[in-house]
Amino acid sequence: MPKPAYMICSQSASIDRDTNQVSFSDVVESFAVVKGDAPPPAKLKLIPLVFRVMAAWIKDENDPPEQKYEYHLTVVPPKAEETIVAKFEFVFKTIIQRINTNPLPLPQSCEPGILWLHSKLRRVGEQEWIAQQSFPIIVNQIEIEVELIKAEQSGTIA
């Protein structure tokens, strides 16, 4: 059975062409959501945070080289249901197989707490997941002051 090696959530990563080593930039350990339903004023534009997930798995020496695996990446926001955000099949090409996701947006509205990313693996055709690794992201909640919003709407803030 393959074993988890590591899982990183970051805004960017690069792979050295000569050594095949990975470097991660801006590891996402936390993010903030705005409290309440009111949209922020125009000058306080919120930039959606986009992230990538890299999950690395170590091949089981006893599995045949042609063994196919199914991979799922799921997101579980605080007080919400698990959602599949990426899934596909693969065959190990090396002893350590890296799986990269396309850029994914972090939720703009969710409860404060811990958002979990789960990277799951199973043999194609089987129902049971044989391995999982997880990555926590702390969700903080911020409030935009009503006075600031009123000042922005009246044009007193530049």
C-alpha atoms as a PDB file:
ATOM      1  CA  MET A   1       0.000   0.000   0.000  1.00  0.00           C
ATOM      2  CA  PRO A   2       1.387   3.454  -0.892  1.00  0.00           C
ATOM      3  CA  LYS A   3       2.309   5.714   1.998  1.00  0.00           C
ATOM      4  CA  PRO A   4       1.856   9.483   2.336  1.00  0.00           C
ATOM      5  CA  ALA A   5       5.118  11.427   1.949  1.00  0.00           C
ATOM      6  CA  TYR A   6       3.917  15.040   2.349  1.00  0.00           C
ATOM      7  CA  MET A   7       1.163  17.473   1.449  1.00  0.00           C
ATOM      8  CA  ILE A   8       1.621  21.235   1.040  1.00  0.00           C
ATOM      9  CA  CYS A   9      -0.870  23.983   0.252  1.00  0.00           C
ATOM     10  CA  SER A  10       0.814  27.059  -1.217  1.00  0.00           C
ATOM     11  CA  GLN A  11       0.197  29.934  -3.568  1.00  0.00           C
ATOM     12  CA  SER A  12       3.058  28.841  -5.813  1.00  0.00           C
ATOM     13  CA  ALA A  13       5.736  26.230  -6.273  1.00  0.00           C
ATOM     14  CA  SER A  14       8.628  25.598  -8.612  1.00  0.00           C
ATOM     15  CA  ILE A  15      10.557  22.499  -9.592  1.00  0.00           C
ATOM     16  CA  ASP A  16      14.279  22.712 -10.365  1.00  0.00           C
ATOM     17  CA  ARG A  17      14.923  21.275 -13.849  1.00  0.00           C
ATOM     18  CA  ASP A  18      18.319  19.829 -12.905  1.00  0.00           C
ATOM     19  CA  THR A  19      17.633  18.316  -9.482  1.00  0.00           C
ATOM     20  CA  ASN A  20      13.830  17.852  -9.629  1.00  0.00           C
ATOM     21  CA  GLN A  21      13.645  19.414  -6.145  1.00  0.00           C
ATOM     22  CA  VAL A  22      10.524  21.370  -5.218  1.00  0.00           C
ATOM     23  CA  SER A  23      10.393  24.839  -3.661  1.00  0.00           C
ATOM     24  CA  PHE A  24       7.162  26.232  -2.215  1.00  0.00           C
ATOM     25  CA  SER A  25       6.269  29.923  -1.875  1.00  0.00           C
ATOM     26  CA  ASP A  26       3.598  31.440   0.326  1.00  0.00           C
ATOM     27  CA  VAL A  27       2.483  28.325   2.179  1.00  0.00           C
ATOM     28  CA  VAL A  28      -1.178  28.826   3.089  1.00  0.00           C
ATOM     29  CA  GLU A  29      -1.612  28.236   6.817  1.00  0.00           C
ATOM     30  CA  SER A  30      -4.508  30.636   7.343  1.00  0.00           C
ATOM     31  CA  PHE A  31      -6.796  33.107   5.592  1.00  0.00           C
ATOM     32  CA  ALA A  32      -9.525  35.553   6.575  1.00  0.00           C
ATOM     33  CA  VAL A  33     -13.154  35.865   5.543  1.00  0.00           C
ATOM     34  CA  VAL A  34     -15.287  38.972   6.011  1.00  0.00           C
ATOM     35  CA  LYS A  35     -17.955  38.677   8.690  1.00  0.00           C
ATOM     36  CA  GLY A  36     -21.534  39.425   7.667  1.00  0.00           C
ATOM     37  CA  ASP A  37     -23.433  39.634   4.399  1.00  0.00           C
ATOM     38  CA  ALA A  38     -22.730  43.257   3.470  1.00  0.00           C
ATOM     39  CA  PRO A  39     -20.267  43.595   0.600  1.00  0.00           C
ATOM     40  CA  PRO A  40     -17.142  45.602   1.392  1.00  0.00           C
ATOM     41  CA  PRO A  41     -16.872  49.136   0.007  1.00  0.00           C
ATOM     42  CA  ALA A  42     -15.411  49.550  -3.460  1.00  0.00           C
ATOM     43  CA  LYS A  43     -11.979  50.739  -2.266  1.00  0.00           C
ATOM     44  CA  LEU A  44     -11.596  47.704  -0.010  1.00  0.00           C
ATOM     45  CA  LYS A  45     -11.503  45.141  -2.781  1.00  0.00           C
ATOM     46  CA  LEU A  46     -10.817  41.652  -1.516  1.00  0.00           C
ATOM     47  CA  ILE A  47      -8.463  39.653  -3.685  1.00  0.00           C
ATOM     48  CA  PRO A  48      -9.500  36.001  -3.875  1.00  0.00           C
ATOM     49  CA  LEU A  49      -6.767  33.763  -2.544  1.00  0.00           C
ATOM     50  CA  VAL A  50      -5.811  31.023  -4.968  1.00  0.00           C
ATOM     51  CA  PHE A  51      -3.828  28.019  -3.870  1.00  0.00           C
ATOM     52  CA  ARG A  52      -2.276  24.846  -5.193  1.00  0.00           C
ATOM     53  CA  VAL A  53      -1.939  21.542  -3.423  1.00  0.00           C
ATOM     54  CA  MET A  54       0.954  19.169  -3.915  1.00  0.00           C
ATOM     55  CA  ALA A  55       0.585  15.733  -2.383  1.00  0.00           C
ATOM     56  CA  ALA A  56       3.456  13.260  -2.598  1.00  0.00           C
ATOM     57  CA  TRP A  57       3.043   9.510  -2.200  1.00  0.00           C
ATOM     58  CA  ILE A  58       5.612   6.720  -1.770  1.00  0.00           C
ATOM     59  CA  LYS A  59       5.107   3.648  -3.952  1.00  0.00           C
ATOM     60  CA  ASP A  60       4.634   0.243  -2.368  1.00  0.00           C
ATOM     61  CA  GLU A  61       7.373  -2.085  -3.639  1.00  0.00           C
ATOM     62  CA  ASN A  62       4.897  -5.005  -3.681  1.00  0.00           C
ATOM     63  CA  ASP A  63       2.438  -3.332  -6.060  1.00  0.00           C
ATOM     64  CA  PRO A  64       2.831  -4.191  -9.747  1.00  0.00           C
ATOM     65  CA  PRO A  65       4.228  -1.340 -11.894  1.00  0.00           C
ATOM     66  CA  GLU A  66       0.984  -1.114 -13.900  1.00  0.00           C
ATOM     67  CA  GLN A  67      -1.205  -0.696 -10.774  1.00  0.00           C
ATOM     68  CA  LYS A  68      -3.586   2.245 -11.265  1.00  0.00           C
ATOM     69  CA  TYR A  69      -4.645   4.447  -8.370  1.00  0.00           C
ATOM     70  CA  GLU A  70      -7.545   6.819  -7.936  1.00  0.00           C
ATOM     71  CA  TYR A  71      -6.784  10.140  -6.255  1.00  0.00           C
ATOM     72  CA  HIS A  72      -9.270  12.542  -4.646  1.00  0.00           C
ATOM     73  CA  LEU A  73      -8.574  15.935  -3.124  1.00  0.00           C
ATOM     74  CA  THR A  74     -11.390  17.094  -0.873  1.00  0.00           C
ATOM     75  CA  VAL A  75     -12.071  20.293   1.065  1.00  0.00           C
ATOM     76  CA  VAL A  76     -13.962  20.363   4.370  1.00  0.00           C
ATOM     77  CA  PRO A  77     -14.671  23.949   5.474  1.00  0.00           C
ATOM     78  CA  PRO A  78     -15.584  24.521   9.135  1.00  0.00           C
ATOM     79  CA  LYS A  79     -19.156  23.363   9.860  1.00  0.00           C
ATOM     80  CA  ALA A  80     -19.668  22.263   6.235  1.00  0.00           C
ATOM     81  CA  GLU A  81     -19.727  19.115   4.134  1.00  0.00           C
ATOM     82  CA  GLU A  82     -16.753  17.556   2.390  1.00  0.00           C
ATOM     83  CA  THR A  83     -16.490  18.491  -1.297  1.00  0.00           C
ATOM     84  CA  ILE A  84     -14.351  16.815  -3.962  1.00  0.00           C
ATOM     85  CA  VAL A  85     -12.289  19.493  -5.753  1.00  0.00           C
ATOM     86  CA  ALA A  86      -9.954  17.258  -7.800  1.00  0.00           C
ATOM     87  CA  LYS A  87      -9.930  13.613  -8.839  1.00  0.00           C
ATOM     88  CA  PHE A  88      -8.097  11.502 -11.380  1.00  0.00           C
ATOM     89  CA  GLU A  89      -6.262   8.217 -11.954  1.00  0.00           C
ATOM     90  CA  PHE A  90      -2.516   7.667 -12.199  1.00  0.00           C
ATOM     91  CA  VAL A  91       0.254   5.071 -12.228  1.00  0.00           C
ATOM     92  CA  PHE A  92       3.434   5.586 -10.184  1.00  0.00           C
ATOM     93  CA  LYS A  93       6.239   6.743 -12.499  1.00  0.00           C
ATOM     94  CA  THR A  94       8.863   6.953  -9.747  1.00  0.00           C
ATOM     95  CA  ILE A  95       9.201   5.790  -6.132  1.00  0.00           C
ATOM     96  CA  ILE A  96       7.789   9.135  -4.984  1.00  0.00           C
ATOM     97  CA  GLN A  97       4.850  10.360  -7.037  1.00  0.00           C
ATOM     98  CA  ARG A  98       3.919  14.039  -6.772  1.00  0.00           C
ATOM     99  CA  ILE A  99       0.358  15.064  -7.525  1.00  0.00           C
ATOM    100  CA  ASN A 100      -0.294  18.745  -8.273  1.00  0.00           C
ATOM    101  CA  THR A 101      -3.681  20.407  -8.505  1.00  0.00           C
ATOM    102  CA  ASN A 102      -4.662  23.224 -10.787  1.00  0.00           C
ATOM    103  CA  PRO A 103      -5.085  26.535  -8.940  1.00  0.00           C
ATOM    104  CA  LEU A 104      -8.095  26.415  -6.606  1.00  0.00           C
ATOM    105  CA  PRO A 105      -9.840  29.388  -4.961  1.00  0.00           C
ATOM    106  CA  LEU A 106     -10.237  29.419  -1.199  1.00  0.00           C
ATOM    107  CA  PRO A 107     -13.855  29.876  -0.115  1.00  0.00           C
ATOM    108  CA  GLN A 108     -14.835  33.550   0.170  1.00  0.00           C
ATOM    109  CA  SER A 109     -17.446  32.796   2.792  1.00  0.00           C
ATOM    110  CA  CYS A 110     -17.203  30.118   5.413  1.00  0.00           C
ATOM    111  CA  GLU A 111     -17.329  29.826   9.155  1.00  0.00           C
ATOM    112  CA  PRO A 112     -14.205  30.511  11.224  1.00  0.00           C
ATOM    113  CA  GLY A 113     -12.347  27.435  12.405  1.00  0.00           C
ATOM    114  CA  ILE A 114     -10.214  24.870  10.604  1.00  0.00           C
ATOM    115  CA  LEU A 115     -10.627  24.095   6.922  1.00  0.00           C
ATOM    116  CA  TRP A 116      -9.244  20.643   6.109  1.00  0.00           C
ATOM    117  CA  LEU A 117      -7.773  19.478   2.808  1.00  0.00           C
ATOM    118  CA  HIS A 118      -7.710  15.688   2.445  1.00  0.00           C
ATOM    119  CA  SER A 119      -5.643  13.861  -0.144  1.00  0.00           C
ATOM    120  CA  LYS A 120      -6.967  10.303  -0.589  1.00  0.00           C
ATOM    121  CA  LEU A 121      -5.684   7.305  -2.507  1.00  0.00           C
ATOM    122  CA  ARG A 122      -7.178   3.915  -3.458  1.00  0.00           C
ATOM    123  CA  ARG A 123      -6.585   1.260  -6.073  1.00  0.00           C
ATOM    124  CA  VAL A 124      -8.811   1.725  -9.139  1.00  0.00           C
ATOM    125  CA  GLY A 125     -11.912  -0.440  -8.793  1.00  0.00           C
ATOM    126  CA  GLU A 126     -11.777  -0.661  -4.992  1.00  0.00           C
ATOM    127  CA  GLN A 127     -14.203   1.114  -2.660  1.00  0.00           C
ATOM    128  CA  GLU A 128     -11.989   1.607   0.394  1.00  0.00           C
ATOM    129  CA  TRP A 129      -9.433   4.389   0.601  1.00  0.00           C
ATOM    130  CA  ILE A 130      -6.072   2.856   1.460  1.00  0.00           C
ATOM    131  CA  ALA A 131      -4.248   6.041   2.453  1.00  0.00           C
ATOM    132  CA  GLN A 132      -4.998   9.637   3.343  1.00  0.00           C
ATOM    133  CA  GLN A 133      -3.050  12.723   4.308  1.00  0.00           C
ATOM    134  CA  SER A 134      -4.484  16.004   5.536  1.00  0.00           C
ATOM    135  CA  PHE A 135      -3.542  19.672   5.649  1.00  0.00           C
ATOM    136  CA  PRO A 136      -5.244  22.153   8.027  1.00  0.00           C
ATOM    137  CA  ILE A 137      -5.866  25.813   7.190  1.00  0.00           C
ATOM    138  CA  ILE A 138      -7.065  28.195   9.897  1.00  0.00           C
ATOM    139  CA  VAL A 139     -10.011  30.359   8.842  1.00  0.00           C
ATOM    140  CA  ASN A 140     -10.142  33.699  10.658  1.00  0.00           C
ATOM    141  CA  GLN A 141     -13.074  36.071  10.470  1.00  0.00           C
ATOM    142  CA  ILE A 142     -12.649  39.829  10.182  1.00  0.00           C
ATOM    143  CA  GLU A 143     -15.179  42.617  10.563  1.00  0.00           C
ATOM    144  CA  ILE A 144     -15.274  45.724   8.428  1.00  0.00           C
ATOM    145  CA  GLU A 145     -16.205  48.677  10.597  1.00  0.00           C
ATOM    146  CA  VAL A 146     -19.563  50.237   9.715  1.00  0.00           C
ATOM    147  CA  GLU A 147     -18.071  53.724  10.149  1.00  0.00           C
ATOM    148  CA  LEU A 148     -15.430  52.937   7.529  1.00  0.00           C
ATOM    149  CA  ILE A 149     -18.083  51.742   5.116  1.00  0.00           C
ATOM    150  CA  LYS A 150     -20.198  54.880   5.677  1.00  0.00           C
ATOM    151  CA  ALA A 151     -17.159  57.121   5.218  1.00  0.00           C
ATOM    152  CA  GLU A 152     -16.236  55.294   2.005  1.00  0.00           C
ATOM    153  CA  GLN A 153     -19.767  55.673   0.640  1.00  0.00           C
ATOM    154  CA  SER A 154     -19.861  59.396   1.487  1.00  0.00           C
ATOM    155  CA  GLY A 155     -16.503  59.973  -0.196  1.00  0.00           C
ATOM    156  CA  THR A 156     -14.597  61.116   2.904  1.00  0.00           C
ATOM    157  CA  ILE A 157     -11.925  58.429   2.517  1.00  0.00           C
ATOM    158  CA  ALA A 158      -9.465  58.684  -0.342  1.00  0.00           C
END
